Amino acid sequence: MPRHSPLDDPVTALLAWARLRRLMGCAMLLTVTLVAGAMVMVWRHGAAARADRWIAVALGLGLAMLVLSGLAGLRALSRARRGGRDQAG
């Protein structure tokens, strides 16, 4: 017999999605801060910083952080769906 997900309850689902949105918002703020910090470091230490270096730093760090935070968010949502515990077997 299939077990129902805790996310079938509208209140629990609303709280889980709100937590996911909050997590993604914090991750976006952290990503923007890290990219800005990296840009400052490239500007200070890179005497001949061309446009391709700026684009590579911004896209590389930005995309890596957003993928990482998206996976962490999906893990948190999956954990909420299972009721906060792993299934044995």
N, C-alpha and C. Protein backbone atom coordinates (compact mmCIF):
# COMPACT_ATOMS: atom_id res chain seq x y z
N MET A 1 0.84 -1.17 0.00
CA MET A 1 0.00 0.00 0.00
C MET A 1 0.89 1.24 0.00
N PRO A 2 0.68 2.15 -0.95
CA PRO A 2 1.54 3.32 -1.01
C PRO A 2 1.28 4.28 0.15
N ARG A 3 2.38 4.81 0.66
CA ARG A 3 2.25 5.79 1.73
C ARG A 3 2.08 7.17 1.11
N HIS A 4 1.32 7.98 1.78
CA HIS A 4 1.10 9.34 1.29
C HIS A 4 2.23 10.25 1.74
N SER A 5 2.54 11.20 0.90
CA SER A 5 3.60 12.16 1.20
C SER A 5 3.09 13.21 2.18
N PRO A 6 3.94 13.67 3.09
CA PRO A 6 3.54 14.78 3.94
C PRO A 6 3.22 16.05 3.14
N LEU A 7 3.75 16.13 1.91
CA LEU A 7 3.47 17.31 1.08
C LEU A 7 2.08 17.27 0.47
N ASP A 8 1.33 16.17 0.67
CA ASP A 8 -0.06 16.13 0.23
C ASP A 8 -0.93 17.06 1.07
N ASP A 9 -0.50 17.32 2.30
CA ASP A 9 -1.20 18.27 3.17
C ASP A 9 -0.88 19.69 2.70
N PRO A 10 -1.89 20.51 2.39
CA PRO A 10 -1.62 21.85 1.85
C PRO A 10 -0.80 22.74 2.79
N VAL A 11 -1.00 22.63 4.08
CA VAL A 11 -0.25 23.47 5.03
C VAL A 11 1.23 23.07 5.03
N THR A 12 1.49 21.77 5.08
CA THR A 12 2.87 21.30 5.07
C THR A 12 3.55 21.66 3.75
N ALA A 13 2.83 21.52 2.65
CA ALA A 13 3.40 21.86 1.35
C ALA A 13 3.71 23.34 1.27
N LEU A 14 2.82 24.17 1.80
CA LEU A 14 3.06 25.61 1.79
C LEU A 14 4.30 25.97 2.59
N LEU A 15 4.47 25.35 3.74
CA LEU A 15 5.65 25.62 4.57
C LEU A 15 6.92 25.13 3.89
N ALA A 16 6.85 23.96 3.25
CA ALA A 16 8.03 23.42 2.58
C ALA A 16 8.45 24.30 1.40
N TRP A 17 7.48 24.76 0.62
CA TRP A 17 7.82 25.63 -0.51
C TRP A 17 8.31 26.99 -0.04
N ALA A 18 7.77 27.49 1.07
CA ALA A 18 8.25 28.77 1.62
C ALA A 18 9.70 28.62 2.09
N ARG A 19 10.01 27.49 2.73
CA ARG A 19 11.38 27.25 3.17
C ARG A 19 12.31 27.14 1.97
N LEU A 20 11.86 26.49 0.90
CA LEU A 20 12.68 26.37 -0.30
C LEU A 20 12.93 27.75 -0.93
N ARG A 21 11.90 28.57 -1.01
CA ARG A 21 12.08 29.92 -1.56
C ARG A 21 13.03 30.74 -0.71
N ARG A 22 12.93 30.61 0.62
CA ARG A 22 13.83 31.34 1.50
C ARG A 22 15.27 30.86 1.31
N LEU A 23 15.46 29.55 1.19
CA LEU A 23 16.78 28.99 0.96
C LEU A 23 17.36 29.48 -0.35
N MET A 24 16.55 29.50 -1.39
CA MET A 24 17.04 29.96 -2.69
C MET A 24 17.33 31.46 -2.68
N GLY A 25 16.55 32.23 -1.94
CA GLY A 25 16.83 33.66 -1.83
C GLY A 25 18.15 33.92 -1.12
N CYS A 26 18.40 33.17 -0.04
CA CYS A 26 19.68 33.31 0.67
C CYS A 26 20.84 32.88 -0.21
N ALA A 27 20.64 31.82 -0.98
CA ALA A 27 21.68 31.34 -1.88
C ALA A 27 21.96 32.36 -2.98
N MET A 28 20.93 33.02 -3.46
CA MET A 28 21.12 34.05 -4.49
C MET A 28 21.91 35.23 -3.93
N LEU A 29 21.58 35.63 -2.71
CA LEU A 29 22.30 36.72 -2.07
C LEU A 29 23.77 36.34 -1.86
N LEU A 30 24.02 35.12 -1.41
CA LEU A 30 25.39 34.64 -1.23
C LEU A 30 26.13 34.58 -2.56
N THR A 31 25.46 34.14 -3.61
CA THR A 31 26.08 34.05 -4.93
C THR A 31 26.47 35.43 -5.44
N VAL A 32 25.57 36.39 -5.32
CA VAL A 32 25.88 37.74 -5.79
C VAL A 32 27.03 38.33 -5.00
N THR A 33 27.07 38.08 -3.69
CA THR A 33 28.15 38.58 -2.85
C THR A 33 29.49 37.96 -3.24
N LEU A 34 29.50 36.64 -3.47
CA LEU A 34 30.74 35.98 -3.87
C LEU A 34 31.23 36.43 -5.24
N VAL A 35 30.31 36.58 -6.17
CA VAL A 35 30.71 37.04 -7.50
C VAL A 35 31.26 38.47 -7.43
N ALA A 36 30.61 39.32 -6.64
CA ALA A 36 31.11 40.70 -6.50
C ALA A 36 32.49 40.70 -5.84
N GLY A 37 32.68 39.86 -4.83
CA GLY A 37 33.99 39.77 -4.19
C GLY A 37 35.06 39.27 -5.14
N ALA A 38 34.70 38.29 -5.96
CA ALA A 38 35.66 37.78 -6.95
C ALA A 38 36.00 38.84 -7.98
N MET A 39 35.01 39.65 -8.36
CA MET A 39 35.28 40.72 -9.32
C MET A 39 36.23 41.76 -8.73
N VAL A 40 36.06 42.06 -7.45
CA VAL A 40 36.97 43.00 -6.79
C VAL A 40 38.39 42.41 -6.76
N MET A 41 38.50 41.12 -6.47
CA MET A 41 39.83 40.50 -6.44
C MET A 41 40.47 40.49 -7.82
N VAL A 42 39.70 40.22 -8.86
CA VAL A 42 40.25 40.24 -10.22
C VAL A 42 40.68 41.67 -10.57
N TRP A 43 39.90 42.63 -10.17
CA TRP A 43 40.22 44.02 -10.47
C TRP A 43 41.50 44.45 -9.75
N ARG A 44 41.66 44.03 -8.48
CA ARG A 44 42.85 44.43 -7.71
C ARG A 44 44.11 43.72 -8.18
N HIS A 45 44.02 42.44 -8.50
CA HIS A 45 45.21 41.65 -8.81
C HIS A 45 45.46 41.46 -10.29
N GLY A 46 44.50 41.73 -11.11
CA GLY A 46 44.66 41.52 -12.54
C GLY A 46 44.99 42.81 -13.26
N ALA A 47 46.26 43.00 -13.58
CA ALA A 47 46.67 44.24 -14.25
C ALA A 47 46.05 44.33 -15.64
N ALA A 48 45.99 43.20 -16.33
CA ALA A 48 45.46 43.21 -17.70
C ALA A 48 44.19 42.35 -17.75
N ALA A 49 43.21 42.70 -16.96
CA ALA A 49 41.97 41.93 -16.93
C ALA A 49 41.11 42.33 -18.13
N ARG A 50 40.99 41.39 -19.06
CA ARG A 50 40.19 41.64 -20.25
C ARG A 50 38.74 41.23 -19.97
N ALA A 51 37.89 41.52 -20.91
CA ALA A 51 36.46 41.23 -20.75
C ALA A 51 36.19 39.74 -20.63
N ASP A 52 36.97 38.92 -21.32
CA ASP A 52 36.73 37.48 -21.23
C ASP A 52 37.01 36.93 -19.83
N ARG A 53 37.95 37.52 -19.13
CA ARG A 53 38.23 37.09 -17.76
C ARG A 53 37.08 37.48 -16.83
N TRP A 54 36.54 38.66 -17.00
CA TRP A 54 35.41 39.10 -16.18
C TRP A 54 34.20 38.19 -16.39
N ILE A 55 33.93 37.89 -17.65
CA ILE A 55 32.79 37.04 -17.97
C ILE A 55 33.00 35.62 -17.44
N ALA A 56 34.20 35.09 -17.57
CA ALA A 56 34.49 33.74 -17.08
C ALA A 56 34.34 33.64 -15.57
N VAL A 57 34.84 34.63 -14.85
CA VAL A 57 34.74 34.61 -13.39
C VAL A 57 33.28 34.72 -12.96
N ALA A 58 32.56 35.65 -13.55
CA ALA A 58 31.16 35.85 -13.16
C ALA A 58 30.29 34.64 -13.48
N LEU A 59 30.41 34.13 -14.69
CA LEU A 59 29.58 32.98 -15.07
C LEU A 59 30.00 31.70 -14.36
N GLY A 60 31.30 31.49 -14.22
CA GLY A 60 31.77 30.29 -13.55
C GLY A 60 31.32 30.21 -12.10
N LEU A 61 31.57 31.25 -11.34
CA LEU A 61 31.15 31.26 -9.94
C LEU A 61 29.64 31.31 -9.81
N GLY A 62 29.00 32.14 -10.59
CA GLY A 62 27.55 32.29 -10.49
C GLY A 62 26.80 31.01 -10.79
N LEU A 63 27.15 30.37 -11.90
CA LEU A 63 26.46 29.13 -12.25
C LEU A 63 26.76 27.99 -11.29
N ALA A 64 28.01 27.89 -10.84
CA ALA A 64 28.36 26.84 -9.89
C ALA A 64 27.59 27.00 -8.58
N MET A 65 27.50 28.21 -8.09
CA MET A 65 26.79 28.45 -6.82
C MET A 65 25.29 28.21 -6.98
N LEU A 66 24.72 28.62 -8.10
CA LEU A 66 23.28 28.44 -8.29
C LEU A 66 22.91 26.96 -8.48
N VAL A 67 23.76 26.20 -9.17
CA VAL A 67 23.49 24.76 -9.30
C VAL A 67 23.61 24.09 -7.94
N LEU A 68 24.64 24.46 -7.18
CA LEU A 68 24.82 23.89 -5.85
C LEU A 68 23.64 24.21 -4.94
N SER A 69 23.18 25.43 -4.96
CA SER A 69 22.04 25.79 -4.10
C SER A 69 20.74 25.15 -4.59
N GLY A 70 20.59 24.98 -5.90
CA GLY A 70 19.41 24.30 -6.41
C GLY A 70 19.36 22.85 -5.97
N LEU A 71 20.50 22.17 -6.02
CA LEU A 71 20.55 20.78 -5.56
C LEU A 71 20.30 20.68 -4.06
N ALA A 72 20.83 21.62 -3.30
CA ALA A 72 20.58 21.62 -1.85
C ALA A 72 19.11 21.87 -1.57
N GLY A 73 18.49 22.74 -2.35
CA GLY A 73 17.06 23.01 -2.18
C GLY A 73 16.21 21.81 -2.51
N LEU A 74 16.56 21.10 -3.57
CA LEU A 74 15.82 19.90 -3.92
C LEU A 74 15.98 18.81 -2.86
N ARG A 75 17.16 18.74 -2.28
CA ARG A 75 17.37 17.77 -1.21
C ARG A 75 16.51 18.12 0.00
N ALA A 76 16.42 19.41 0.32
CA ALA A 76 15.60 19.83 1.45
C ALA A 76 14.12 19.54 1.17
N LEU A 77 13.67 19.76 -0.04
CA LEU A 77 12.29 19.50 -0.39
C LEU A 77 12.00 18.00 -0.37
N SER A 78 12.94 17.20 -0.84
CA SER A 78 12.79 15.75 -0.82
C SER A 78 12.74 15.24 0.62
N ARG A 79 13.53 15.83 1.47
CA ARG A 79 13.52 15.44 2.88
C ARG A 79 12.18 15.77 3.52
N ALA A 80 11.60 16.90 3.15
CA ALA A 80 10.28 17.27 3.68
C ALA A 80 9.21 16.30 3.17
N ARG A 81 9.37 15.84 1.93
CA ARG A 81 8.40 14.92 1.35
C ARG A 81 8.41 13.58 2.08
N ARG A 82 9.59 13.16 2.54
CA ARG A 82 9.70 11.89 3.24
C ARG A 82 9.41 12.03 4.73
N GLY A 83 9.06 13.19 5.18
CA GLY A 83 8.76 13.38 6.59
C GLY A 83 10.00 13.57 7.44
N GLY A 84 11.14 13.91 6.83
CA GLY A 84 12.34 14.18 7.59
C GLY A 84 13.15 12.95 7.96
N ARG A 85 12.81 11.79 7.42
CA ARG A 85 13.58 10.59 7.74
C ARG A 85 13.78 9.75 6.49
N ASP A 86 14.82 8.97 6.49
CA ASP A 86 15.11 8.08 5.38
C ASP A 86 14.27 6.82 5.49
N GLN A 87 13.99 6.24 4.35
CA GLN A 87 13.24 4.99 4.33
C GLN A 87 14.22 3.83 4.39
N ALA A 88 13.97 2.87 5.24
CA ALA A 88 14.82 1.69 5.35
C ALA A 88 14.47 0.70 4.23
N GLY A 89 15.51 0.19 3.61
CA GLY A 89 15.32 -0.87 2.62
C GLY A 89 14.80 -0.34 1.38
